[in-house]
PDB file of N, CA and C in Angstrom:
ATOM      1  N   MET A   1       6.339 -10.541  34.871  1.00  0.00           N
ATOM      2  CA  MET A   1       7.381  -9.874  34.691  1.00  0.00           C
ATOM      3  C   MET A   1       6.682  -9.281  33.442  1.00  0.00           C
ATOM      4  N   GLN A   2       6.604  -7.551  33.799  1.00  0.00           N
ATOM      5  CA  GLN A   2       6.723  -6.877  32.279  1.00  0.00           C
ATOM      6  C   GLN A   2       8.007  -6.304  31.426  1.00  0.00           C
ATOM      7  N   SER A   3       7.818  -6.356  30.465  1.00  0.00           N
ATOM      8  CA  SER A   3       9.073  -6.138  29.680  1.00  0.00           C
ATOM      9  C   SER A   3       9.882  -4.982  30.080  1.00  0.00           C
ATOM     10  N   GLN A   4      10.853  -4.879  29.388  1.00  0.00           N
ATOM     11  CA  GLN A   4      11.507  -3.350  29.794  1.00  0.00           C
ATOM     12  C   GLN A   4      11.445  -2.909  28.730  1.00  0.00           C
ATOM     13  N   SER A   5      11.456  -3.562  27.443  1.00  0.00           N
ATOM     14  CA  SER A   5      11.553  -2.923  26.244  1.00  0.00           C
ATOM     15  C   SER A   5      10.635  -1.684  25.736  1.00  0.00           C
ATOM     16  N   VAL A   6      11.492  -0.325  25.066  1.00  0.00           N
ATOM     17  CA  VAL A   6      10.285   0.680  24.762  1.00  0.00           C
ATOM     18  C   VAL A   6      10.773   0.841  23.644  1.00  0.00           C
ATOM     19  N   ILE A   7      10.016   1.135  22.650  1.00  0.00           N
ATOM     20  CA  ILE A   7       9.831   1.112  21.489  1.00  0.00           C
ATOM     21  C   ILE A   7       9.281   2.584  21.092  1.00  0.00           C
ATOM     22  N   ARG A   8      10.252   3.298  20.397  1.00  0.00           N
ATOM     23  CA  ARG A   8       9.921   4.422  19.814  1.00  0.00           C
ATOM     24  C   ARG A   8      10.204   5.372  18.980  1.00  0.00           C
ATOM     25  N   SER A   9       9.162   5.780  18.077  1.00  0.00           N
ATOM     26  CA  SER A   9       9.483   6.464  16.753  1.00  0.00           C
ATOM     27  C   SER A   9       8.482   7.505  16.611  1.00  0.00           C
ATOM     28  N   SER A  10       9.248   7.752  15.165  1.00  0.00           N
ATOM     29  CA  SER A  10       8.238   9.120  14.685  1.00  0.00           C
ATOM     30  C   SER A  10       8.493   8.823  13.300  1.00  0.00           C
ATOM     31  N   THR A  11       7.173   9.757  12.698  1.00  0.00           N
ATOM     32  CA  THR A  11       7.106   9.494  11.357  1.00  0.00           C
ATOM     33  C   THR A  11       6.847  10.754  10.835  1.00  0.00           C
ATOM     34  N   ARG A  12       7.571  11.180   9.864  1.00  0.00           N
ATOM     35  CA  ARG A  12       7.233  12.473   8.990  1.00  0.00           C
ATOM     36  C   ARG A  12       6.420  12.570   7.854  1.00  0.00           C
ATOM     37  N   LEU A  13       5.914  11.077   7.426  1.00  0.00           N
ATOM     38  CA  LEU A  13       5.450  10.508   6.123  1.00  0.00           C
ATOM     39  C   LEU A  13       4.458   9.662   6.318  1.00  0.00           C
ATOM     40  N   VAL A  14       3.275   9.739   6.416  1.00  0.00           N
ATOM     41  CA  VAL A  14       2.970   8.466   6.370  1.00  0.00           C
ATOM     42  C   VAL A  14       2.096   8.608   4.671  1.00  0.00           C
ATOM     43  N   ILE A  15       2.238   7.523   3.847  1.00  0.00           N
ATOM     44  CA  ILE A  15       1.641   7.187   2.849  1.00  0.00           C
ATOM     45  C   ILE A  15      -0.227   6.491   3.140  1.00  0.00           C
ATOM     46  N   LEU A  16      -1.250   7.300   2.426  1.00  0.00           N
ATOM     47  CA  LEU A  16      -2.522   6.377   2.405  1.00  0.00           C
ATOM     48  C   LEU A  16      -2.683   6.348   1.423  1.00  0.00           C
ATOM     49  N   ASP A  17      -2.976   5.091   0.896  1.00  0.00           N
ATOM     50  CA  ASP A  17      -3.649   4.559  -0.502  1.00  0.00           C
ATOM     51  C   ASP A  17      -4.719   4.372  -0.683  1.00  0.00           C
ATOM     52  N   VAL A  18      -5.627   5.040  -1.264  1.00  0.00           N
ATOM     53  CA  VAL A  18      -6.932   5.141  -1.808  1.00  0.00           C
ATOM     54  C   VAL A  18      -7.379   4.640  -2.612  1.00  0.00           C
ATOM     55  N   ILE A  19      -8.493   3.822  -2.880  1.00  0.00           N
ATOM     56  CA  ILE A  19      -9.346   2.870  -4.610  1.00  0.00           C
ATOM     57  C   ILE A  19     -10.638   3.693  -4.187  1.00  0.00           C
ATOM     58  N   ALA A  20     -10.832   4.591  -5.310  1.00  0.00           N
ATOM     59  CA  ALA A  20     -12.168   5.402  -5.009  1.00  0.00           C
ATOM     60  C   ALA A  20     -12.523   4.628  -6.838  1.00  0.00           C
ATOM     61  N   THR A  21     -13.938   4.281  -5.474  1.00  0.00           N
ATOM     62  CA  THR A  21     -14.702   3.865  -7.013  1.00  0.00           C
ATOM     63  C   THR A  21     -16.352   4.327  -7.064  1.00  0.00           C
ATOM     64  N   ASP A  22     -17.222   4.590  -8.457  1.00  0.00           N
ATOM     65  CA  ASP A  22     -18.164   5.136  -8.236  1.00  0.00           C
ATOM     66  C   ASP A  22     -19.321   4.060  -7.779  1.00  0.00           C
ATOM     67  N   ASP A  23     -20.865   4.396  -7.968  1.00  0.00           N
ATOM     68  CA  ASP A  23     -21.824   3.325  -7.238  1.00  0.00           C
ATOM     69  C   ASP A  23     -21.590   2.135  -8.382  1.00  0.00           C
ATOM     70  N   HIS A  24     -21.327   2.109  -9.449  1.00  0.00           N
ATOM     71  CA  HIS A  24     -21.433   0.669 -10.095  1.00  0.00           C
ATOM     72  C   HIS A  24     -19.542  -0.282 -10.196  1.00  0.00           C
ATOM     73  N   GLY A  25     -18.720   0.655  -9.008  1.00  0.00           N
ATOM     74  CA  GLY A  25     -17.742  -0.358  -8.705  1.00  0.00           C
ATOM     75  C   GLY A  25     -16.647   0.256  -9.736  1.00  0.00           C
ATOM     76  N   ARG A  26     -16.858   1.304 -10.737  1.00  0.00           N
ATOM     77  CA  ARG A  26     -15.789   1.828 -11.492  1.00  0.00           C
ATOM     78  C   ARG A  26     -14.938   2.820 -10.859  1.00  0.00           C
ATOM     79  N   PRO A  27     -13.604   1.986 -11.275  1.00  0.00           N
ATOM     80  CA  PRO A  27     -12.996   3.572 -10.533  1.00  0.00           C
ATOM     81  C   PRO A  27     -13.127   4.625 -10.687  1.00  0.00           C
ATOM     82  N   VAL A  28     -12.729   5.781 -10.079  1.00  0.00           N
ATOM     83  CA  VAL A  28     -12.582   6.822 -10.456  1.00  0.00           C
ATOM     84  C   VAL A  28     -11.699   7.618 -10.927  1.00  0.00           C
ATOM     85  N   THR A  29     -11.497   8.280 -12.116  1.00  0.00           N
ATOM     86  CA  THR A  29     -10.189   8.795 -12.293  1.00  0.00           C
ATOM     87  C   THR A  29     -10.029  10.217 -12.228  1.00  0.00           C
ATOM     88  N   ASP A  30     -10.858  10.713 -12.199  1.00  0.00           N
ATOM     89  CA  ASP A  30     -10.881  12.532 -12.224  1.00  0.00           C
ATOM     90  C   ASP A  30     -10.808  12.861 -11.010  1.00  0.00           C
ATOM     91  N   LEU A  31      -9.735  12.752  -9.817  1.00  0.00           N
ATOM     92  CA  LEU A  31      -9.602  13.154  -8.566  1.00  0.00           C
ATOM     93  C   LEU A  31      -8.872  14.012  -8.258  1.00  0.00           C
ATOM     94  N   THR A  32      -7.954  15.003  -7.591  1.00  0.00           N
ATOM     95  CA  THR A  32      -7.599  15.847  -7.528  1.00  0.00           C
ATOM     96  C   THR A  32      -7.206  15.420  -5.965  1.00  0.00           C
ATOM     97  N   ARG A  33      -5.799  16.726  -5.614  1.00  0.00           N
ATOM     98  CA  ARG A  33      -5.547  16.629  -4.359  1.00  0.00           C
ATOM     99  C   ARG A  33      -6.704  17.383  -3.139  1.00  0.00           C
ATOM    100  N   ASP A  34      -8.035  18.267  -3.723  1.00  0.00           N
ATOM    101  CA  ASP A  34      -8.824  19.376  -3.501  1.00  0.00           C
ATOM    102  C   ASP A  34      -9.912  18.229  -2.996  1.00  0.00           C
ATOM    103  N   ASP A  35      -9.412  16.772  -3.620  1.00  0.00           N
ATOM    104  CA  ASP A  35     -11.097  16.387  -3.268  1.00  0.00           C
ATOM    105  C   ASP A  35     -11.058  15.202  -2.335  1.00  0.00           C
ATOM    106  N   PHE A  36     -10.014  15.665  -1.536  1.00  0.00           N
ATOM    107  CA  PHE A  36      -9.604  14.864  -0.328  1.00  0.00           C
ATOM    108  C   PHE A  36      -8.980  15.667   0.869  1.00  0.00           C
ATOM    109  N   THR A  37      -9.915  15.218   2.288  1.00  0.00           N
ATOM    110  CA  THR A  37      -9.382  15.393   3.464  1.00  0.00           C
ATOM    111  C   THR A  37      -8.730  14.543   4.199  1.00  0.00           C
ATOM    112  N   VAL A  38      -7.768  14.794   5.151  1.00  0.00           N
ATOM    113  CA  VAL A  38      -7.236  13.665   6.004  1.00  0.00           C
ATOM    114  C   VAL A  38      -6.968  14.325   7.206  1.00  0.00           C
ATOM    115  N   LEU A  39      -7.825  13.496   8.104  1.00  0.00           N
ATOM    116  CA  LEU A  39      -7.625  14.086   9.234  1.00  0.00           C
ATOM    117  C   LEU A  39      -6.951  13.060  10.592  1.00  0.00           C
ATOM    118  N   GLU A  40      -6.715  14.043  11.406  1.00  0.00           N
ATOM    119  CA  GLU A  40      -5.984  12.893  12.619  1.00  0.00           C
ATOM    120  C   GLU A  40      -6.389  13.938  13.642  1.00  0.00           C
ATOM    121  N   ASP A  41      -6.682  12.773  14.623  1.00  0.00           N
ATOM    122  CA  ASP A  41      -7.621  13.256  15.751  1.00  0.00           C
ATOM    123  C   ASP A  41      -8.568  14.469  15.949  1.00  0.00           C
ATOM    124  N   GLY A  42      -9.233  14.451  14.145  1.00  0.00           N
ATOM    125  CA  GLY A  42     -10.298  15.484  14.416  1.00  0.00           C
ATOM    126  C   GLY A  42      -9.663  17.236  13.434  1.00  0.00           C
ATOM    127  N   GLN A  43      -8.388  16.831  13.398  1.00  0.00           N
ATOM    128  CA  GLN A  43      -8.024  18.152  12.702  1.00  0.00           C
ATOM    129  C   GLN A  43      -7.512  17.813  11.520  1.00  0.00           C
ATOM    130  N   PRO A  44      -7.609  18.750  10.348  1.00  0.00           N
ATOM    131  CA  PRO A  44      -6.804  18.420   8.752  1.00  0.00           C
ATOM    132  C   PRO A  44      -5.494  18.202   8.972  1.00  0.00           C
ATOM    133  N   GLN A  45      -5.155  17.598   7.951  1.00  0.00           N
ATOM    134  CA  GLN A  45      -3.429  17.682   7.363  1.00  0.00           C
ATOM    135  C   GLN A  45      -2.966  17.575   6.630  1.00  0.00           C
ATOM    136  N   LYS A  46      -1.838  18.344   6.259  1.00  0.00           N
ATOM    137  CA  LYS A  46      -1.491  19.057   5.244  1.00  0.00           C
ATOM    138  C   LYS A  46      -1.064  17.861   4.663  1.00  0.00           C
ATOM    139  N   LEU A  47      -1.613  17.617   3.286  1.00  0.00           N
ATOM    140  CA  LEU A  47      -1.512  17.187   1.988  1.00  0.00           C
ATOM    141  C   LEU A  47       0.308  17.291   0.748  1.00  0.00           C
ATOM    142  N   ILE A  48       1.207  16.878   1.503  1.00  0.00           N
ATOM    143  CA  ILE A  48       2.376  16.847   0.974  1.00  0.00           C
ATOM    144  C   ILE A  48       2.445  16.659  -0.262  1.00  0.00           C
ATOM    145  N   ASP A  49       2.248  15.222  -0.970  1.00  0.00           N
ATOM    146  CA  ASP A  49       2.334  14.981  -2.191  1.00  0.00           C
ATOM    147  C   ASP A  49       1.035  14.564  -3.020  1.00  0.00           C
ATOM    148  N   PHE A  50       0.503  14.302  -3.859  1.00  0.00           N
ATOM    149  CA  PHE A  50      -0.558  13.171  -4.168  1.00  0.00           C
ATOM    150  C   PHE A  50      -0.445  12.748  -5.999  1.00  0.00           C
ATOM    151  N   SER A  51      -0.273  11.574  -5.990  1.00  0.00           N
ATOM    152  CA  SER A  51      -0.628  11.085  -7.064  1.00  0.00           C
ATOM    153  C   SER A  51      -1.426  10.334  -7.499  1.00  0.00           C
ATOM    154  N   PHE A  52      -1.497  10.036  -8.532  1.00  0.00           N
ATOM    155  CA  PHE A  52      -2.905   8.988  -9.620  1.00  0.00           C
ATOM    156  C   PHE A  52      -2.389   7.604 -10.144  1.00  0.00           C
ATOM    157  N   GLN A  53      -2.046   6.764  -9.696  1.00  0.00           N
ATOM    158  CA  GLN A  53      -1.700   5.502 -10.301  1.00  0.00           C
ATOM    159  C   GLN A  53      -2.890   5.054 -11.383  1.00  0.00           C
ATOM    160  N   ARG A  54      -2.079   4.016 -12.062  1.00  0.00           N
ATOM    161  CA  ARG A  54      -3.684   3.654 -13.185  1.00  0.00           C
ATOM    162  C   ARG A  54      -2.483   2.274 -13.252  1.00  0.00           C
ATOM    163  N   PRO A  55      -2.974   0.980 -12.966  1.00  0.00           N
ATOM    164  CA  PRO A  55      -3.060  -0.078 -13.143  1.00  0.00           C
ATOM    165  C   PRO A  55      -2.372  -0.202 -14.860  1.00  0.00           C
ATOM    166  N   GLY A  56      -0.946  -0.677 -14.950  1.00  0.00           N
ATOM    167  CA  GLY A  56      -0.668  -1.052 -16.891  1.00  0.00           C
ATOM    168  C   GLY A  56      -1.317  -2.583 -16.377  1.00  0.00           C
ATOM    169  N   THR A  57      -1.660  -2.581 -17.612  1.00  0.00           N
ATOM    170  CA  THR A  57      -2.355  -4.047 -17.989  1.00  0.00           C
ATOM    171  C   THR A  57      -1.101  -4.508 -19.189  1.00  0.00           C
ATOM    172  N   THR A  58      -1.114  -6.009 -18.759  1.00  0.00           N
ATOM    173  CA  THR A  58      -0.228  -7.064 -19.717  1.00  0.00           C
ATOM    174  C   THR A  58       0.030  -6.683 -21.400  1.00  0.00           C
ATOM    175  N   ALA A  59       0.511  -7.129 -21.570  1.00  0.00           N
ATOM    176  CA  ALA A  59       0.984  -7.033 -23.478  1.00  0.00           C
ATOM    177  C   ALA A  59      -0.606  -8.274 -23.586  1.00  0.00           C
ATOM    178  N   GLN A  60      -0.439  -9.195 -23.161  1.00  0.00           N
ATOM    179  CA  GLN A  60      -1.538 -10.864 -23.892  1.00  0.00           C
ATOM    180  C   GLN A  60      -2.046 -10.926 -22.136  1.00  0.00           C
ATOM    181  N   ASP A  61      -2.998 -11.456 -22.661  1.00  0.00           N
ATOM    182  CA  ASP A  61      -3.784 -12.594 -21.782  1.00  0.00           C
ATOM    183  C   ASP A  61      -2.748 -13.544 -21.152  1.00  0.00           C
ATOM    184  N   PRO A  62      -2.773 -14.224 -20.293  1.00  0.00           N
ATOM    185  CA  PRO A  62      -2.345 -15.131 -19.819  1.00  0.00           C
ATOM    186  C   PRO A  62      -2.817 -16.683 -20.447  1.00  0.00           C
ATOM    187  N   PRO A  63      -1.974 -17.543 -21.059  1.00  0.00           N
ATOM    188  CA  PRO A  63      -2.828 -18.345 -21.425  1.00  0.00           C
ATOM    189  C   PRO A  63      -3.625 -18.912 -20.852  1.00  0.00           C
ATOM    190  N   PRO A  64      -5.079 -19.977 -21.545  1.00  0.00           N
ATOM    191  CA  PRO A  64      -6.158 -20.525 -20.556  1.00  0.00           C
ATOM    192  C   PRO A  64      -5.280 -21.435 -19.867  1.00  0.00           C
ATOM    193  N   LEU A  65      -5.635 -21.973 -18.664  1.00  0.00           N
ATOM    194  CA  LEU A  65      -5.175 -23.048 -17.729  1.00  0.00           C
ATOM    195  C   LEU A  65      -6.402 -24.475 -17.894  1.00  0.00           C
ATOM    196  N   ALA A  66      -5.616 -25.079 -17.208  1.00  0.00           N
ATOM    197  CA  ALA A  66      -6.762 -26.614 -17.131  1.00  0.00           C
ATOM    198  C   ALA A  66      -7.423 -26.392 -16.134  1.00  0.00           C
ATOM    199  N   SER A  67      -8.370 -26.934 -16.141  1.00  0.00           N
ATOM    200  CA  SER A  67      -9.864 -26.758 -15.123  1.00  0.00           C
ATOM    201  C   SER A  67      -8.873 -27.095 -13.313  1.00  0.00           C
ATOM    202  N   HIS A  68      -8.368 -27.748 -13.415  1.00  0.00           N
ATOM    203  CA  HIS A  68      -7.521 -27.778 -11.907  1.00  0.00           C
ATOM    204  C   HIS A  68      -6.024 -27.495 -11.823  1.00  0.00           C
ATOM    205  N   VAL A  69      -6.003 -26.326 -12.591  1.00  0.00           N
ATOM    206  CA  VAL A  69      -4.817 -25.667 -12.646  1.00  0.00           C
ATOM    207  C   VAL A  69      -4.842 -24.420 -12.320  1.00  0.00           C
ATOM    208  N   VAL A  70      -3.853 -23.222 -11.140  1.00  0.00           N
ATOM    209  CA  VAL A  70      -4.250 -22.275 -10.718  1.00  0.00           C
ATOM    210  C   VAL A  70      -2.851 -21.515 -10.770  1.00  0.00           C
ATOM    211  N   SER A  71      -3.254 -20.272 -11.389  1.00  0.00           N
ATOM    212  CA  SER A  71      -1.826 -19.622 -11.371  1.00  0.00           C
ATOM    213  C   SER A  71      -1.644 -18.564 -10.369  1.00  0.00           C
ATOM    214  N   ASN A  72      -0.550 -17.773 -10.422  1.00  0.00           N
ATOM    215  CA  ASN A  72      -0.720 -16.982  -9.925  1.00  0.00           C
ATOM    216  C   ASN A  72      -0.045 -15.189 -10.566  1.00  0.00           C
ATOM    217  N   VAL A  73       0.111 -15.246 -11.690  1.00  0.00           N
ATOM    218  CA  VAL A  73       0.668 -14.611 -12.853  1.00  0.00           C
ATOM    219  C   VAL A  73      -0.334 -13.310 -12.745  1.00  0.00           C
ATOM    220  N   PRO A  74       0.160 -12.396 -12.519  1.00  0.00           N
ATOM    221  CA  PRO A  74      -0.754 -10.959 -12.394  1.00  0.00           C
ATOM    222  C   PRO A  74      -1.243 -10.807 -14.245  1.00  0.00           C
ATOM    223  N   ARG A  75      -2.184  -9.674 -13.600  1.00  0.00           N
ATOM    224  CA  ARG A  75      -3.160  -9.611 -14.675  1.00  0.00           C
ATOM    225  C   ARG A  75      -2.225  -8.374 -15.003  1.00  0.00           C
ATOM    226  N   TYR A  76      -1.546  -7.649 -14.269  1.00  0.00           N
ATOM    227  CA  TYR A  76      -1.417  -6.245 -14.228  1.00  0.00           C
ATOM    228  C   TYR A  76       0.067  -5.895 -14.556  1.00  0.00           C
ATOM    229  N   THR A  77       0.871  -5.057 -14.706  1.00  0.00           N
ATOM    230  CA  THR A  77       2.217  -4.914 -14.603  1.00  0.00           C
ATOM    231  C   THR A  77       2.753  -4.256 -13.213  1.00  0.00           C
ATOM    232  N   TRP A  78       3.661  -4.401 -12.492  1.00  0.00           N
ATOM    233  CA  TRP A  78       3.780  -4.118 -11.354  1.00  0.00           C
ATOM    234  C   TRP A  78       4.471  -2.330 -11.320  1.00  0.00           C
ATOM    235  N   ALA A  79       3.587  -2.278  -9.413  1.00  0.00           N
ATOM    236  CA  ALA A  79       4.102  -0.502  -9.826  1.00  0.00           C
ATOM    237  C   ALA A  79       5.293  -0.252  -9.652  1.00  0.00           C
ATOM    238  N   SER A  80       5.660   0.943  -9.647  1.00  0.00           N
ATOM    239  CA  SER A  80       6.531   1.760  -9.449  1.00  0.00           C
ATOM    240  C   SER A  80       7.337   1.379  -7.886  1.00  0.00           C
ATOM    241  N   SER A  81       6.722   1.274  -7.232  1.00  0.00           N
ATOM    242  CA  SER A  81       7.137   1.200  -5.856  1.00  0.00           C
ATOM    243  C   SER A  81       7.065  -0.097  -5.015  1.00  0.00           C
ATOM    244  N   TRP A  82       7.573  -0.398  -3.987  1.00  0.00           N
ATOM    245  CA  TRP A  82       7.964  -1.812  -2.855  1.00  0.00           C
ATOM    246  C   TRP A  82       7.653  -1.144  -1.896  1.00  0.00           C
ATOM    247  N   ASN A  83       6.992  -2.562  -1.209  1.00  0.00           N
ATOM    248  CA  ASN A  83       6.744  -2.655   0.413  1.00  0.00           C
ATOM    249  C   ASN A  83       8.155  -2.908   0.769  1.00  0.00           C
ATOM    250  N   VAL A  84       9.019  -2.533   1.627  1.00  0.00           N
ATOM    251  CA  VAL A  84      10.175  -3.307   2.193  1.00  0.00           C
ATOM    252  C   VAL A  84       9.883  -3.130   4.314  1.00  0.00           C
ATOM    253  N   ILE A  85      10.024  -4.973   4.637  1.00  0.00           N
ATOM    254  CA  ILE A  85      10.466  -4.766   5.970  1.00  0.00           C
ATOM    255  C   ILE A  85      11.403  -4.713   6.003  1.00  0.00           C
ATOM    256  N   LEU A  86      12.026  -4.042   7.341  1.00  0.00           N
ATOM    257  CA  LEU A  86      13.734  -3.979   7.471  1.00  0.00           C
ATOM    258  C   LEU A  86      13.433  -4.860   8.733  1.00  0.00           C
ATOM    259  N   LEU A  87      14.567  -5.661   9.088  1.00  0.00           N
ATOM    260  CA  LEU A  87      14.859  -6.137  10.343  1.00  0.00           C
ATOM    261  C   LEU A  87      15.840  -6.076  10.413  1.00  0.00           C
ATOM    262  N   ASP A  88      15.713  -5.685  12.238  1.00  0.00           N
ATOM    263  CA  ASP A  88      17.723  -4.774  12.680  1.00  0.00           C
ATOM    264  C   ASP A  88      17.787  -6.128  13.250  1.00  0.00           C
ATOM    265  N   ALA A  89      18.861  -7.244  12.734  1.00  0.00           N
ATOM    266  CA  ALA A  89      19.388  -8.314  13.308  1.00  0.00           C
ATOM    267  C   ALA A  89      20.529  -7.871  13.927  1.00  0.00           C
ATOM    268  N   MET A  90      20.740  -6.483  13.829  1.00  0.00           N
ATOM    269  CA  MET A  90      22.520  -5.914  14.494  1.00  0.00           C
ATOM    270  C   MET A  90      21.932  -5.437  16.185  1.00  0.00           C
ATOM    271  N   ASN A  91      20.810  -4.721  16.190  1.00  0.00           N
ATOM    272  CA  ASN A  91      20.385  -4.405  17.084  1.00  0.00           C
ATOM    273  C   ASN A  91      18.935  -4.843  17.660  1.00  0.00           C
ATOM    274  N   THR A  92      18.576  -5.742  17.666  1.00  0.00           N
ATOM    275  CA  THR A  92      17.710  -6.250  17.947  1.00  0.00           C
ATOM    276  C   THR A  92      17.767  -7.926  18.486  1.00  0.00           C
ATOM    277  N   ASP A  93      17.637  -8.354  19.812  1.00  0.00           N
ATOM    278  CA  ASP A  93      17.563  -9.610  20.004  1.00  0.00           C
ATOM    279  C   ASP A  93      16.509 -10.546  19.086  1.00  0.00           C
ATOM    280  N   PHE A  94      17.330 -11.714  18.847  1.00  0.00           N
ATOM    281  CA  PHE A  94      16.688 -12.325  17.692  1.00  0.00           C
ATOM    282  C   PHE A  94      15.490 -13.107  18.365  1.00  0.00           C
ATOM    283  N   SER A  95      14.770 -13.034  19.696  1.00  0.00           N
ATOM    284  CA  SER A  95      13.521 -13.816  20.372  1.00  0.00           C
ATOM    285  C   SER A  95      12.509 -12.360  20.010  1.00  0.00           C
ATOM    286  N   SER A  96      12.914 -11.422  19.665  1.00  0.00           N
ATOM    287  CA  SER A  96      11.755 -10.450  19.203  1.00  0.00           C
ATOM    288  C   SER A  96      11.623  -9.752  18.042  1.00  0.00           C
ATOM    289  N   ARG A  97      12.164 -10.874  17.193  1.00  0.00           N
ATOM    290  CA  ARG A  97      11.591 -11.406  15.424  1.00  0.00           C
ATOM    291  C   ARG A  97      10.857 -12.488  15.304  1.00  0.00           C
ATOM    292  N   ALA A  98      10.676 -12.631  16.588  1.00  0.00           N
ATOM    293  CA  ALA A  98       9.992 -13.668  16.234  1.00  0.00           C
ATOM    294  C   ALA A  98       8.152 -13.082  16.099  1.00  0.00           C
TER     295      ALA A  98
END
């Protein structure tokens, strides 16, 4: 039996992260909005916003660890954005959220 559930959505903003490196793997830091073309189905799309993000470095390197110890301490400061996954528990059947 086919599912009767239908999900419809619309998007007004798509965030596209790009990591640009040169032939030696070093970050390219002088790019502007004019250096990018975004296509959807072969058609150029308008770029509404453009920002360049640089990772911040921590004030000090993490302390050395024993050879058998692993750490997940970030080597960079966190960016100012967050990724959020929202589950609508009020309007979604529990079995659909698995």
